[in-house]
Amino acid sequence: NPWLIHAGGILEISDPNLPIFDRILSKISIPQVYIMKRFDGKPVACARAVVDNGFAGLFDIHTHPAERRNGFAGTILSALLSYSRDAGARMAYLQVVDENIPAISLYEKSGFKPLYKYHYRVKHTDI
């Protein structure tokens, strides 16, 4: 996946985990779109989306830490929403961590609102 080669650095996925992430993405059976924003020739932001049954799932919206607060995530989000609308989506969803206040602000300005909260559980392996 050519997108993943550059997105892996932005998403801070370690090299040994890139093939695993690539296998996960390859198992998604519905069409996906991958977006990469470049600035001065280098990748600065990335995202991907799927459209299914009138819903757009927006994933991995991420800006390189050194490039944050430059509007790249907004550009990416607009492109994803435009693509999704053209592909037949009438609603969109995404996930964001509670601590990511700048992203939450961007999403709220774009019309997103919280629907529910979730968390992950980890089982300790020292049993």
C-alpha atoms as a PDB file:
ATOM      1  CA  ASN A   1       0.000   0.000   0.000  1.00  0.00           C
ATOM      2  CA  PRO A   2       1.863   3.116  -1.186  1.00  0.00           C
ATOM      3  CA  TRP A   3      -0.204   5.371   1.103  1.00  0.00           C
ATOM      4  CA  LEU A   4       0.944   3.419   4.137  1.00  0.00           C
ATOM      5  CA  ILE A   5       4.623   3.917   3.321  1.00  0.00           C
ATOM      6  CA  HIS A   6       4.270   7.646   4.072  1.00  0.00           C
ATOM      7  CA  ALA A   7       1.299   7.503   6.435  1.00  0.00           C
ATOM      8  CA  GLY A   8       3.158   5.097   8.715  1.00  0.00           C
ATOM      9  CA  GLY A   9       5.551   7.876   9.692  1.00  0.00           C
ATOM     10  CA  ILE A  10       2.771  10.377  10.255  1.00  0.00           C
ATOM     11  CA  LEU A  11       0.726   7.834  12.240  1.00  0.00           C
ATOM     12  CA  GLU A  12       3.876   6.873  14.168  1.00  0.00           C
ATOM     13  CA  ILE A  13       3.566   3.191  13.273  1.00  0.00           C
ATOM     14  CA  SER A  14       6.876   1.430  13.852  1.00  0.00           C
ATOM     15  CA  ASP A  15       8.439  -0.327  10.847  1.00  0.00           C
ATOM     16  CA  PRO A  16       7.868  -3.842  12.246  1.00  0.00           C
ATOM     17  CA  ASN A  17       4.139  -3.050  12.601  1.00  0.00           C
ATOM     18  CA  LEU A  18       3.624  -1.663   9.084  1.00  0.00           C
ATOM     19  CA  PRO A  19       3.047  -5.098   7.481  1.00  0.00           C
ATOM     20  CA  ILE A  20       0.489  -5.918  10.179  1.00  0.00           C
ATOM     21  CA  PHE A  21      -1.389  -2.667   9.579  1.00  0.00           C
ATOM     22  CA  ASP A  22      -1.197  -3.269   5.825  1.00  0.00           C
ATOM     23  CA  ARG A  23      -2.739  -6.740   6.237  1.00  0.00           C
ATOM     24  CA  ILE A  24      -5.552  -5.266   8.345  1.00  0.00           C
ATOM     25  CA  LEU A  25      -6.308  -2.647   5.684  1.00  0.00           C
ATOM     26  CA  SER A  26      -6.214  -5.259   2.915  1.00  0.00           C
ATOM     27  CA  LYS A  27      -8.959  -7.250   4.673  1.00  0.00           C
ATOM     28  CA  ILE A  28     -11.460  -4.382   4.399  1.00  0.00           C
ATOM     29  CA  SER A  29     -13.789  -5.531   1.635  1.00  0.00           C
ATOM     30  CA  ILE A  30     -15.536  -2.245   0.851  1.00  0.00           C
ATOM     31  CA  PRO A  31     -13.795   0.411  -1.265  1.00  0.00           C
ATOM     32  CA  GLN A  32     -11.499   2.793   0.582  1.00  0.00           C
ATOM     33  CA  VAL A  33      -9.981   6.114  -0.323  1.00  0.00           C
ATOM     34  CA  TYR A  34      -6.560   7.136   0.958  1.00  0.00           C
ATOM     35  CA  ILE A  35      -5.521  10.787   1.164  1.00  0.00           C
ATOM     36  CA  MET A  36      -2.075  12.252   1.697  1.00  0.00           C
ATOM     37  CA  LYS A  37      -1.445  15.990   2.056  1.00  0.00           C
ATOM     38  CA  ARG A  38       2.001  17.172   1.003  1.00  0.00           C
ATOM     39  CA  PHE A  39       3.622  20.500   1.795  1.00  0.00           C
ATOM     40  CA  ASP A  40       6.960  21.567   0.361  1.00  0.00           C
ATOM     41  CA  GLY A  41       7.203  18.100  -1.181  1.00  0.00           C
ATOM     42  CA  LYS A  42       6.889  16.141   2.050  1.00  0.00           C
ATOM     43  CA  PRO A  43       3.889  14.268   3.486  1.00  0.00           C
ATOM     44  CA  VAL A  44       2.386  16.250   6.375  1.00  0.00           C
ATOM     45  CA  ALA A  45      -1.095  14.790   6.905  1.00  0.00           C
ATOM     46  CA  CYS A  46      -3.032  11.672   6.007  1.00  0.00           C
ATOM     47  CA  ALA A  47      -6.434  10.044   6.325  1.00  0.00           C
ATOM     48  CA  ARG A  48      -8.618   7.351   4.841  1.00  0.00           C
ATOM     49  CA  ALA A  49     -12.334   6.732   4.445  1.00  0.00           C
ATOM     50  CA  VAL A  50     -14.849   4.062   3.561  1.00  0.00           C
ATOM     51  CA  VAL A  51     -18.394   4.603   2.323  1.00  0.00           C
ATOM     52  CA  ASP A  52     -21.008   1.937   2.954  1.00  0.00           C
ATOM     53  CA  ASN A  53     -24.802   2.049   3.083  1.00  0.00           C
ATOM     54  CA  GLY A  54     -24.904   5.843   3.043  1.00  0.00           C
ATOM     55  CA  PHE A  55     -22.377   6.211   5.874  1.00  0.00           C
ATOM     56  CA  ALA A  56     -18.808   7.487   5.611  1.00  0.00           C
ATOM     57  CA  GLY A  57     -16.293   6.177   8.114  1.00  0.00           C
ATOM     58  CA  LEU A  58     -13.349   8.562   8.462  1.00  0.00           C
ATOM     59  CA  PHE A  59     -10.169   7.068   9.881  1.00  0.00           C
ATOM     60  CA  ASP A  60      -6.537   7.872  10.640  1.00  0.00           C
ATOM     61  CA  ILE A  61      -6.941  11.625  10.270  1.00  0.00           C
ATOM     62  CA  HIS A  62      -3.532  12.657  11.454  1.00  0.00           C
ATOM     63  CA  THR A  63      -1.041  15.475  10.993  1.00  0.00           C
ATOM     64  CA  HIS A  64       2.681  15.127  11.567  1.00  0.00           C
ATOM     65  CA  PRO A  65       3.443  16.646  15.007  1.00  0.00           C
ATOM     66  CA  ALA A  66       5.805  19.259  13.539  1.00  0.00           C
ATOM     67  CA  GLU A  67       3.102  20.432  11.119  1.00  0.00           C
ATOM     68  CA  ARG A  68       0.097  20.751  13.413  1.00  0.00           C
ATOM     69  CA  ARG A  69      -1.983  23.951  13.600  1.00  0.00           C
ATOM     70  CA  ASN A  70      -1.358  24.750   9.910  1.00  0.00           C
ATOM     71  CA  GLY A  71      -4.810  23.770   8.622  1.00  0.00           C
ATOM     72  CA  PHE A  72      -3.764  20.488   7.024  1.00  0.00           C
ATOM     73  CA  ALA A  73      -6.269  18.369   8.974  1.00  0.00           C
ATOM     74  CA  GLY A  74      -9.084  20.692   7.884  1.00  0.00           C
ATOM     75  CA  THR A  75      -8.026  20.323   4.261  1.00  0.00           C
ATOM     76  CA  ILE A  76      -7.929  16.543   4.602  1.00  0.00           C
ATOM     77  CA  LEU A  77     -11.306  16.456   6.377  1.00  0.00           C
ATOM     78  CA  SER A  78     -12.932  18.578   3.655  1.00  0.00           C
ATOM     79  CA  ALA A  79     -11.537  16.292   0.951  1.00  0.00           C
ATOM     80  CA  LEU A  80     -12.794  13.177   2.759  1.00  0.00           C
ATOM     81  CA  LEU A  81     -16.270  14.640   3.204  1.00  0.00           C
ATOM     82  CA  SER A  82     -16.424  15.742  -0.436  1.00  0.00           C
ATOM     83  CA  TYR A  83     -15.345  12.304  -1.660  1.00  0.00           C
ATOM     84  CA  SER A  84     -17.822  10.620   0.689  1.00  0.00           C
ATOM     85  CA  ARG A  85     -20.719  12.814  -0.426  1.00  0.00           C
ATOM     86  CA  ASP A  86     -19.926  12.068  -4.080  1.00  0.00           C
ATOM     87  CA  ALA A  87     -19.796   8.344  -3.226  1.00  0.00           C
ATOM     88  CA  GLY A  88     -23.314   8.460  -1.768  1.00  0.00           C
ATOM     89  CA  ALA A  89     -22.734   9.049   1.943  1.00  0.00           C
ATOM     90  CA  ARG A  90     -25.346  11.107   3.739  1.00  0.00           C
ATOM     91  CA  MET A  91     -23.830  10.796   7.221  1.00  0.00           C
ATOM     92  CA  ALA A  92     -20.246  10.524   8.471  1.00  0.00           C
ATOM     93  CA  TYR A  93     -18.639   9.232  11.640  1.00  0.00           C
ATOM     94  CA  LEU A  94     -15.171   9.252  13.178  1.00  0.00           C
ATOM     95  CA  GLN A  95     -13.459   8.621  16.491  1.00  0.00           C
ATOM     96  CA  VAL A  96     -11.267  10.999  18.449  1.00  0.00           C
ATOM     97  CA  VAL A  97      -9.580  10.737  21.837  1.00  0.00           C
ATOM     98  CA  ASP A  98     -10.923  13.039  24.559  1.00  0.00           C
ATOM     99  CA  GLU A  99      -7.548  14.730  25.039  1.00  0.00           C
ATOM    100  CA  ASN A 100      -7.254  15.844  21.405  1.00  0.00           C
ATOM    101  CA  ILE A 101      -8.901  19.239  21.907  1.00  0.00           C
ATOM    102  CA  PRO A 102      -7.732  20.772  18.576  1.00  0.00           C
ATOM    103  CA  ALA A 103      -9.203  17.841  16.618  1.00  0.00           C
ATOM    104  CA  ILE A 104     -12.448  17.950  18.595  1.00  0.00           C
ATOM    105  CA  SER A 105     -12.719  21.675  17.837  1.00  0.00           C
ATOM    106  CA  LEU A 106     -12.164  21.046  14.113  1.00  0.00           C
ATOM    107  CA  TYR A 107     -14.737  18.258  14.032  1.00  0.00           C
ATOM    108  CA  GLU A 108     -17.331  20.322  15.895  1.00  0.00           C
ATOM    109  CA  LYS A 109     -16.820  23.241  13.476  1.00  0.00           C
ATOM    110  CA  SER A 110     -17.409  20.724  10.672  1.00  0.00           C
ATOM    111  CA  GLY A 111     -20.732  19.629  12.170  1.00  0.00           C
ATOM    112  CA  PHE A 112     -19.703  16.535  14.113  1.00  0.00           C
ATOM    113  CA  LYS A 113     -21.013  16.024  17.623  1.00  0.00           C
ATOM    114  CA  PRO A 114     -20.257  13.411  20.280  1.00  0.00           C
ATOM    115  CA  LEU A 115     -22.480  10.361  20.150  1.00  0.00           C
ATOM    116  CA  TYR A 116     -20.900   8.060  22.735  1.00  0.00           C
ATOM    117  CA  LYS A 117     -17.630   7.299  24.523  1.00  0.00           C
ATOM    118  CA  TYR A 118     -15.610   4.107  24.480  1.00  0.00           C
ATOM    119  CA  HIS A 119     -12.412   2.747  25.963  1.00  0.00           C
ATOM    120  CA  TYR A 120     -10.101  -0.223  25.578  1.00  0.00           C
ATOM    121  CA  ARG A 121      -9.299  -2.810  28.207  1.00  0.00           C
ATOM    122  CA  VAL A 122      -5.971  -4.565  28.481  1.00  0.00           C
ATOM    123  CA  LYS A 123      -5.403  -7.913  30.135  1.00  0.00           C
ATOM    124  CA  HIS A 124      -2.102  -8.091  31.972  1.00  0.00           C
ATOM    125  CA  THR A 125      -0.029 -11.037  30.843  1.00  0.00           C
ATOM    126  CA  ASP A 126       1.785 -11.652  34.130  1.00  0.00           C
ATOM    127  CA  ILE A 127      -0.704 -14.348  35.138  1.00  0.00           C
END
